[in-house]
Full PDB file with SEQRES, HELIX, SHEET, SSBOND, CRYST1, ORIGX, SCALE, CONECT and MASTER records, all heavy atoms in Angstrom:
SEQRES   1 A   30  GLU GLU ALA HIS TYR SER GLY SER GLU ALA PHE HIS ARG          
SEQRES   2 A   30  ALA LEU SER GLU GLU SER PHE GLU THR GLU SER LEU ALA          
SEQRES   3 A   30  LEU ARG SER ILE                                              
HELIX    1 AA1 GLY A    7  GLU A   17  1                                  11    
CRYST1    1.000    1.000    1.000  90.00  90.00  90.00 P 1           1          
ORIGX1      1.000000  0.000000  0.000000        0.00000                         
ORIGX2      0.000000  1.000000  0.000000        0.00000                         
ORIGX3      0.000000  0.000000  1.000000        0.00000                         
SCALE1      1.000000  0.000000  0.000000        0.00000                         
SCALE2      0.000000  1.000000  0.000000        0.00000                         
SCALE3      0.000000  0.000000  1.000000        0.00000                         
ATOM      1  N   GLU A   1     115.988  86.921  99.233  1.00  0.00           N  
ATOM      2  CA  GLU A   1     116.623  85.685  99.820  1.00  0.00           C  
ATOM      3  C   GLU A   1     116.144  85.466 101.226  1.00  0.00           C  
ATOM      4  O   GLU A   1     115.948  84.328 101.661  1.00  0.00           O  
ATOM      5  CB  GLU A   1     118.130  85.771  99.738  1.00  0.00           C  
ATOM      6  CG  GLU A   1     118.842  84.487 100.110  1.00  0.00           C  
ATOM      7  CD  GLU A   1     120.318  84.668  99.762  1.00  0.00           C  
ATOM      8  OE1 GLU A   1     120.719  85.088  98.704  1.00  0.00           O  
ATOM      9  OE2 GLU A   1     121.098  84.164 100.692  1.00  0.00           O  
ATOM     10  N   GLU A   2     116.029  86.544 102.031  1.00  0.00           N  
ATOM     11  CA  GLU A   2     115.751  86.371 103.431  1.00  0.00           C  
ATOM     12  C   GLU A   2     114.240  86.428 103.726  1.00  0.00           C  
ATOM     13  O   GLU A   2     113.810  86.266 104.856  1.00  0.00           O  
ATOM     14  CB  GLU A   2     116.391  87.521 104.238  1.00  0.00           C  
ATOM     15  CG  GLU A   2     117.917  87.629 104.126  1.00  0.00           C  
ATOM     16  CD  GLU A   2     118.336  88.362 102.822  1.00  0.00           C  
ATOM     17  OE1 GLU A   2     117.452  88.948 102.131  1.00  0.00           O  
ATOM     18  OE2 GLU A   2     119.500  88.446 102.502  1.00  0.00           O  
ATOM     19  N   ALA A   3     113.447  86.674 102.752  1.00  0.00           N  
ATOM     20  CA  ALA A   3     111.987  86.881 102.940  1.00  0.00           C  
ATOM     21  C   ALA A   3     111.170  85.621 102.646  1.00  0.00           C  
ATOM     22  O   ALA A   3     111.664  84.698 101.974  1.00  0.00           O  
ATOM     23  CB  ALA A   3     111.524  88.045 101.977  1.00  0.00           C  
ATOM     24  N   HIS A   4     109.909  85.644 103.186  1.00  0.00           N  
ATOM     25  CA  HIS A   4     108.963  84.590 102.869  1.00  0.00           C  
ATOM     26  C   HIS A   4     108.013  84.952 101.765  1.00  0.00           C  
ATOM     27  O   HIS A   4     107.417  84.092 101.187  1.00  0.00           O  
ATOM     28  CB  HIS A   4     108.220  84.220 104.155  1.00  0.00           C  
ATOM     29  CG  HIS A   4     109.035  83.669 105.279  1.00  0.00           C  
ATOM     30  ND1 HIS A   4     109.413  84.420 106.379  1.00  0.00           N  
ATOM     31  CD2 HIS A   4     109.700  82.423 105.437  1.00  0.00           C  
ATOM     32  CE1 HIS A   4     110.153  83.697 107.113  1.00  0.00           C  
ATOM     33  NE2 HIS A   4     110.335  82.494 106.562  1.00  0.00           N  
ATOM     34  N   TYR A   5     107.833  86.287 101.679  1.00  0.00           N  
ATOM     35  CA  TYR A   5     106.816  86.776 100.663  1.00  0.00           C  
ATOM     36  C   TYR A   5     107.536  87.560  99.507  1.00  0.00           C  
ATOM     37  O   TYR A   5     108.672  88.071  99.727  1.00  0.00           O  
ATOM     38  CB  TYR A   5     105.858  87.747 101.317  1.00  0.00           C  
ATOM     39  CG  TYR A   5     105.054  87.220 102.502  1.00  0.00           C  
ATOM     40  CD1 TYR A   5     105.114  87.874 103.700  1.00  0.00           C  
ATOM     41  CD2 TYR A   5     104.294  86.033 102.358  1.00  0.00           C  
ATOM     42  CE1 TYR A   5     104.392  87.389 104.778  1.00  0.00           C  
ATOM     43  CE2 TYR A   5     103.649  85.578 103.471  1.00  0.00           C  
ATOM     44  CZ  TYR A   5     103.653  86.241 104.626  1.00  0.00           C  
ATOM     45  OH  TYR A   5     102.983  85.736 105.689  1.00  0.00           O  
ATOM     46  N   SER A   6     106.874  87.534  98.376  1.00  0.00           N  
ATOM     47  CA  SER A   6     107.352  88.429  97.319  1.00  0.00           C  
ATOM     48  C   SER A   6     106.762  89.801  97.510  1.00  0.00           C  
ATOM     49  O   SER A   6     105.845  90.010  98.437  1.00  0.00           O  
ATOM     50  CB  SER A   6     106.827  87.860  95.985  1.00  0.00           C  
ATOM     51  OG  SER A   6     105.412  87.963  95.867  1.00  0.00           O  
ATOM     52  N   GLY A   7     107.143  90.791  96.761  1.00  0.00           N  
ATOM     53  CA  GLY A   7     106.666  92.153  96.907  1.00  0.00           C  
ATOM     54  C   GLY A   7     105.167  92.147  96.591  1.00  0.00           C  
ATOM     55  O   GLY A   7     104.435  92.858  97.306  1.00  0.00           O  
ATOM     56  N   SER A   8     104.726  91.411  95.555  1.00  0.00           N  
ATOM     57  CA  SER A   8     103.340  91.419  95.248  1.00  0.00           C  
ATOM     58  C   SER A   8     102.489  90.802  96.403  1.00  0.00           C  
ATOM     59  O   SER A   8     101.351  91.245  96.640  1.00  0.00           O  
ATOM     60  CB  SER A   8     103.022  90.732  93.897  1.00  0.00           C  
ATOM     61  OG  SER A   8     103.454  89.408  93.913  1.00  0.00           O  
ATOM     62  N   GLU A   9     102.970  89.724  97.022  1.00  0.00           N  
ATOM     63  CA  GLU A   9     102.236  89.115  98.145  1.00  0.00           C  
ATOM     64  C   GLU A   9     102.171  90.080  99.340  1.00  0.00           C  
ATOM     65  O   GLU A   9     101.121  90.163  99.979  1.00  0.00           O  
ATOM     66  CB  GLU A   9     102.939  87.836  98.569  1.00  0.00           C  
ATOM     67  CG  GLU A   9     102.813  86.719  97.558  1.00  0.00           C  
ATOM     68  CD  GLU A   9     103.716  85.523  97.865  1.00  0.00           C  
ATOM     69  OE1 GLU A   9     104.883  85.665  98.294  1.00  0.00           O  
ATOM     70  OE2 GLU A   9     103.230  84.395  97.668  1.00  0.00           O  
ATOM     71  N   ALA A  10     103.266  90.789  99.563  1.00  0.00           N  
ATOM     72  CA  ALA A  10     103.228  91.768 100.715  1.00  0.00           C  
ATOM     73  C   ALA A  10     102.256  92.915 100.385  1.00  0.00           C  
ATOM     74  O   ALA A  10     101.533  93.345 101.280  1.00  0.00           O  
ATOM     75  CB  ALA A  10     104.662  92.331 100.929  1.00  0.00           C  
ATOM     76  N   PHE A  11     102.200  93.330  99.123  1.00  0.00           N  
ATOM     77  CA  PHE A  11     101.241  94.365  98.688  1.00  0.00           C  
ATOM     78  C   PHE A  11      99.837  93.848  98.905  1.00  0.00           C  
ATOM     79  O   PHE A  11      98.968  94.579  99.434  1.00  0.00           O  
ATOM     80  CB  PHE A  11     101.527  94.745  97.220  1.00  0.00           C  
ATOM     81  CG  PHE A  11     100.648  95.740  96.650  1.00  0.00           C  
ATOM     82  CD1 PHE A  11     100.597  97.061  97.206  1.00  0.00           C  
ATOM     83  CD2 PHE A  11      99.917  95.506  95.506  1.00  0.00           C  
ATOM     84  CE1 PHE A  11      99.749  98.025  96.689  1.00  0.00           C  
ATOM     85  CE2 PHE A  11      99.081  96.448  95.001  1.00  0.00           C  
ATOM     86  CZ  PHE A  11      99.012  97.773  95.556  1.00  0.00           C  
ATOM     87  N   HIS A  12      99.554  92.682  98.506  1.00  0.00           N  
ATOM     88  CA  HIS A  12      98.195  92.109  98.628  1.00  0.00           C  
ATOM     89  C   HIS A  12      97.841  92.024 100.101  1.00  0.00           C  
ATOM     90  O   HIS A  12      96.726  92.374 100.519  1.00  0.00           O  
ATOM     91  CB  HIS A  12      98.086  90.704  98.071  1.00  0.00           C  
ATOM     92  CG  HIS A  12      96.831  90.054  98.184  1.00  0.00           C  
ATOM     93  ND1 HIS A  12      95.684  90.431  97.520  1.00  0.00           N  
ATOM     94  CD2 HIS A  12      96.432  89.031  99.056  1.00  0.00           C  
ATOM     95  CE1 HIS A  12      94.656  89.657  97.878  1.00  0.00           C  
ATOM     96  NE2 HIS A  12      95.130  88.864  98.834  1.00  0.00           N  
ATOM     97  N   ARG A  13      98.779  91.651 101.021  1.00  0.00           N  
ATOM     98  CA  ARG A  13      98.487  91.522 102.427  1.00  0.00           C  
ATOM     99  C   ARG A  13      98.166  92.897 102.975  1.00  0.00           C  
ATOM    100  O   ARG A  13      97.324  93.122 103.788  1.00  0.00           O  
ATOM    101  CB  ARG A  13      99.621  90.900 103.173  1.00  0.00           C  
ATOM    102  CG  ARG A  13      99.766  89.366 102.889  1.00  0.00           C  
ATOM    103  CD  ARG A  13     100.983  88.813 103.544  1.00  0.00           C  
ATOM    104  NE  ARG A  13     100.960  88.900 104.976  1.00  0.00           N  
ATOM    105  CZ  ARG A  13     100.453  88.007 105.790  1.00  0.00           C  
ATOM    106  NH1 ARG A  13      99.865  86.928 105.289  1.00  0.00           N  
ATOM    107  NH2 ARG A  13     100.462  88.190 107.097  1.00  0.00           N  
ATOM    108  N   ALA A  14      99.026  93.894 102.534  1.00  0.00           N  
ATOM    109  CA  ALA A  14      98.845  95.290 103.067  1.00  0.00           C  
ATOM    110  C   ALA A  14      97.419  95.797 102.695  1.00  0.00           C  
ATOM    111  O   ALA A  14      96.768  96.381 103.560  1.00  0.00           O  
ATOM    112  CB  ALA A  14      99.852  96.202 102.423  1.00  0.00           C  
ATOM    113  N   LEU A  15      96.983  95.564 101.457  1.00  0.00           N  
ATOM    114  CA  LEU A  15      95.714  96.078 101.077  1.00  0.00           C  
ATOM    115  C   LEU A  15      94.564  95.323 101.711  1.00  0.00           C  
ATOM    116  O   LEU A  15      93.481  95.847 101.990  1.00  0.00           O  
ATOM    117  CB  LEU A  15      95.534  95.984  99.564  1.00  0.00           C  
ATOM    118  CG  LEU A  15      96.431  96.916  98.763  1.00  0.00           C  
ATOM    119  CD1 LEU A  15      96.137  96.716  97.241  1.00  0.00           C  
ATOM    120  CD2 LEU A  15      96.265  98.335  99.166  1.00  0.00           C  
ATOM    121  N   SER A  16      94.754  94.028 102.046  1.00  0.00           N  
ATOM    122  CA  SER A  16      93.691  93.283 102.721  1.00  0.00           C  
ATOM    123  C   SER A  16      93.606  93.580 104.195  1.00  0.00           C  
ATOM    124  O   SER A  16      92.528  93.319 104.803  1.00  0.00           O  
ATOM    125  CB  SER A  16      93.854  91.786 102.451  1.00  0.00           C  
ATOM    126  OG  SER A  16      95.020  91.327 103.014  1.00  0.00           O  
ATOM    127  N   GLU A  17      94.658  94.077 104.738  1.00  0.00           N  
ATOM    128  CA  GLU A  17      94.649  94.374 106.195  1.00  0.00           C  
ATOM    129  C   GLU A  17      94.317  95.815 106.568  1.00  0.00           C  
ATOM    130  O   GLU A  17      93.987  96.107 107.740  1.00  0.00           O  
ATOM    131  CB  GLU A  17      96.028  94.080 106.823  1.00  0.00           C  
ATOM    132  CG  GLU A  17      96.388  92.572 106.757  1.00  0.00           C  
ATOM    133  CD  GLU A  17      97.824  92.260 107.144  1.00  0.00           C  
ATOM    134  OE1 GLU A  17      98.535  93.242 107.530  1.00  0.00           O  
ATOM    135  OE2 GLU A  17      98.197  91.112 107.107  1.00  0.00           O  
ATOM    136  N   GLU A  18      94.295  96.677 105.611  1.00  0.00           N  
ATOM    137  CA  GLU A  18      94.076  98.091 105.841  1.00  0.00           C  
ATOM    138  C   GLU A  18      92.743  98.500 105.105  1.00  0.00           C  
ATOM    139  O   GLU A  18      92.364  97.873 104.138  1.00  0.00           O  
ATOM    140  CB  GLU A  18      95.188  98.973 105.342  1.00  0.00           C  
ATOM    141  CG  GLU A  18      96.507  98.760 106.002  1.00  0.00           C  
ATOM    142  CD  GLU A  18      96.506  99.389 107.404  1.00  0.00           C  
ATOM    143  OE1 GLU A  18      95.843 100.381 107.627  1.00  0.00           O  
ATOM    144  OE2 GLU A  18      97.248  98.835 108.282  1.00  0.00           O  
ATOM    145  N   SER A  19      92.091  99.574 105.616  1.00  0.00           N  
ATOM    146  CA  SER A  19      90.974 100.162 104.927  1.00  0.00           C  
ATOM    147  C   SER A  19      91.370 101.635 104.770  1.00  0.00           C  
ATOM    148  O   SER A  19      91.965 102.243 105.595  1.00  0.00           O  
ATOM    149  CB  SER A  19      89.683 100.010 105.663  1.00  0.00           C  
ATOM    150  OG  SER A  19      89.746 100.629 106.959  1.00  0.00           O  
ATOM    151  N   PHE A  20      90.866 102.168 103.625  1.00  0.00           N  
ATOM    152  CA  PHE A  20      91.228 103.555 103.296  1.00  0.00           C  
ATOM    153  C   PHE A  20      89.926 104.342 103.052  1.00  0.00           C  
ATOM    154  O   PHE A  20      88.933 103.779 102.559  1.00  0.00           O  
ATOM    155  CB  PHE A  20      92.101 103.635 102.102  1.00  0.00           C  
ATOM    156  CG  PHE A  20      93.361 102.844 102.216  1.00  0.00           C  
ATOM    157  CD1 PHE A  20      93.493 101.546 101.779  1.00  0.00           C  
ATOM    158  CD2 PHE A  20      94.490 103.407 102.816  1.00  0.00           C  
ATOM    159  CE1 PHE A  20      94.690 100.818 101.926  1.00  0.00           C  
ATOM    160  CE2 PHE A  20      95.633 102.732 102.983  1.00  0.00           C  
ATOM    161  CZ  PHE A  20      95.748 101.383 102.559  1.00  0.00           C  
ATOM    162  N   GLU A  21      89.917 105.638 103.362  1.00  0.00           N  
ATOM    163  CA  GLU A  21      88.812 106.467 103.084  1.00  0.00           C  
ATOM    164  C   GLU A  21      88.705 106.850 101.634  1.00  0.00           C  
ATOM    165  O   GLU A  21      87.681 107.326 101.142  1.00  0.00           O  
ATOM    166  CB  GLU A  21      88.932 107.711 103.935  1.00  0.00           C  
ATOM    167  CG  GLU A  21      88.732 107.481 105.406  1.00  0.00           C  
ATOM    168  CD  GLU A  21      88.815 108.742 106.242  1.00  0.00           C  
ATOM    169  OE1 GLU A  21      88.743 109.869 105.688  1.00  0.00           O  
ATOM    170  OE2 GLU A  21      88.997 108.607 107.441  1.00  0.00           O  
ATOM    171  N   THR A  22      89.794 106.648 100.868  1.00  0.00           N  
ATOM    172  CA  THR A  22      89.852 107.063  99.462  1.00  0.00           C  
ATOM    173  C   THR A  22      90.057 105.798  98.597  1.00  0.00           C  
ATOM    174  O   THR A  22      90.657 104.850  99.067  1.00  0.00           O  
ATOM    175  CB  THR A  22      90.936 108.088  99.221  1.00  0.00           C  
ATOM    176  OG1 THR A  22      90.932 108.436  97.834  1.00  0.00           O  
ATOM    177  CG2 THR A  22      92.302 107.569  99.599  1.00  0.00           C  
ATOM    178  N   GLU A  23      89.607 105.856  97.330  1.00  0.00           N  
ATOM    179  CA  GLU A  23      89.879 104.776  96.428  1.00  0.00           C  
ATOM    180  C   GLU A  23      90.866 105.312  95.356  1.00  0.00           C  
ATOM    181  O   GLU A  23      91.027 104.608  94.351  1.00  0.00           O  
ATOM    182  CB  GLU A  23      88.553 104.323  95.794  1.00  0.00           C  
ATOM    183  CG  GLU A  23      87.595 103.681  96.770  1.00  0.00           C  
ATOM    184  CD  GLU A  23      86.294 103.253  96.108  1.00  0.00           C  
ATOM    185  OE1 GLU A  23      86.197 103.376  94.913  1.00  0.00           O  
ATOM    186  OE2 GLU A  23      85.460 102.733  96.855  1.00  0.00           O  
ATOM    187  N   SER A  24      91.458 106.445  95.554  1.00  0.00           N  
ATOM    188  CA  SER A  24      92.362 107.036  94.561  1.00  0.00           C  
ATOM    189  C   SER A  24      93.756 106.867  94.947  1.00  0.00           C  
ATOM    190  O   SER A  24      94.487 107.851  95.054  1.00  0.00           O  
ATOM    191  CB  SER A  24      91.989 108.498  94.419  1.00  0.00           C  
ATOM    192  OG  SER A  24      90.614 108.697  94.087  1.00  0.00           O  
ATOM    193  N   LEU A  25      94.170 105.636  95.159  1.00  0.00           N  
ATOM    194  CA  LEU A  25      95.586 105.414  95.629  1.00  0.00           C  
ATOM    195  C   LEU A  25      96.419 104.757  94.490  1.00  0.00           C  
ATOM    196  O   LEU A  25      95.870 103.989  93.650  1.00  0.00           O  
ATOM    197  CB  LEU A  25      95.565 104.456  96.812  1.00  0.00           C  
ATOM    198  CG  LEU A  25      94.879 104.951  98.051  1.00  0.00           C  
ATOM    199  CD1 LEU A  25      94.945 103.864  99.122  1.00  0.00           C  
ATOM    200  CD2 LEU A  25      95.633 106.168  98.576  1.00  0.00           C  
ATOM    201  N   ALA A  26      97.643 105.143  94.504  1.00  0.00           N  
ATOM    202  CA  ALA A  26      98.565 104.535  93.537  1.00  0.00           C  
ATOM    203  C   ALA A  26      99.823 104.026  94.317  1.00  0.00           C  
ATOM    204  O   ALA A  26     100.136 104.546  95.358  1.00  0.00           O  
ATOM    205  CB  ALA A  26      99.116 105.552  92.540  1.00  0.00           C  
ATOM    206  N   LEU A  27     100.382 102.961  93.895  1.00  0.00           N  
ATOM    207  CA  LEU A  27     101.598 102.429  94.519  1.00  0.00           C  
ATOM    208  C   LEU A  27     102.814 103.266  94.186  1.00  0.00           C  
ATOM    209  O   LEU A  27     103.079 103.552  93.012  1.00  0.00           O  
ATOM    210  CB  LEU A  27     101.838 101.001  94.080  1.00  0.00           C  
ATOM    211  CG  LEU A  27     103.042 100.254  94.601  1.00  0.00           C  
ATOM    212  CD1 LEU A  27     102.883 100.097  96.162  1.00  0.00           C  
ATOM    213  CD2 LEU A  27     103.214  98.910  93.902  1.00  0.00           C  
ATOM    214  N   ARG A  28     103.553 103.661  95.218  1.00  0.00           N  
ATOM    215  CA  ARG A  28     104.757 104.425  95.048  1.00  0.00           C  
ATOM    216  C   ARG A  28     105.940 103.582  95.130  1.00  0.00           C  
ATOM    217  O   ARG A  28     106.869 103.644  94.354  1.00  0.00           O  
ATOM    218  CB  ARG A  28     104.813 105.611  95.967  1.00  0.00           C  
ATOM    219  CG  ARG A  28     106.098 106.383  95.880  1.00  0.00           C  
ATOM    220  CD  ARG A  28     106.073 107.639  96.678  1.00  0.00           C  
ATOM    221  NE  ARG A  28     105.430 108.747  95.899  1.00  0.00           N  
ATOM    222  CZ  ARG A  28     105.278 109.914  96.327  1.00  0.00           C  
ATOM    223  NH1 ARG A  28     105.563 110.232  97.546  1.00  0.00           N  
ATOM    224  NH2 ARG A  28     104.721 110.850  95.585  1.00  0.00           N  
ATOM    225  N   SER A  29     105.997 102.709  96.198  1.00  0.00           N  
ATOM    226  CA  SER A  29     107.163 101.803  96.320  1.00  0.00           C  
ATOM    227  C   SER A  29     106.867 100.616  97.223  1.00  0.00           C  
ATOM    228  O   SER A  29     105.935 100.705  98.062  1.00  0.00           O  
ATOM    229  CB  SER A  29     108.350 102.529  96.940  1.00  0.00           C  
ATOM    230  OG  SER A  29     108.118 102.979  98.236  1.00  0.00           O  
ATOM    231  N   ILE A  30     107.629  99.591  97.078  1.00  0.00           N  
ATOM    232  CA  ILE A  30     107.588  98.414  97.908  1.00  0.00           C  
ATOM    233  C   ILE A  30     109.041  98.062  98.293  1.00  0.00           C  
ATOM    234  O   ILE A  30     109.831  97.851  97.375  1.00  0.00           O  
ATOM    235  CB  ILE A  30     106.966  97.189  97.286  1.00  0.00           C  
ATOM    236  CG1 ILE A  30     105.576  97.472  96.887  1.00  0.00           C  
ATOM    237  CG2 ILE A  30     107.056  95.961  98.222  1.00  0.00           C  
ATOM    238  CD1 ILE A  30     104.860  96.325  96.133  1.00  0.00           C  
TER     239      ILE A  30                                                      
MASTER        0    0    0    1    0    0    0    6  238    1    0    3          
END                                                                             
């Protein structure tokens, strides 16, 4: 109710703004 983004939109933004040394990541929580 108080947010502008959905969890999937926030997840997409997080992945597009960060770079990782590994490609073996799994989502634990949002």
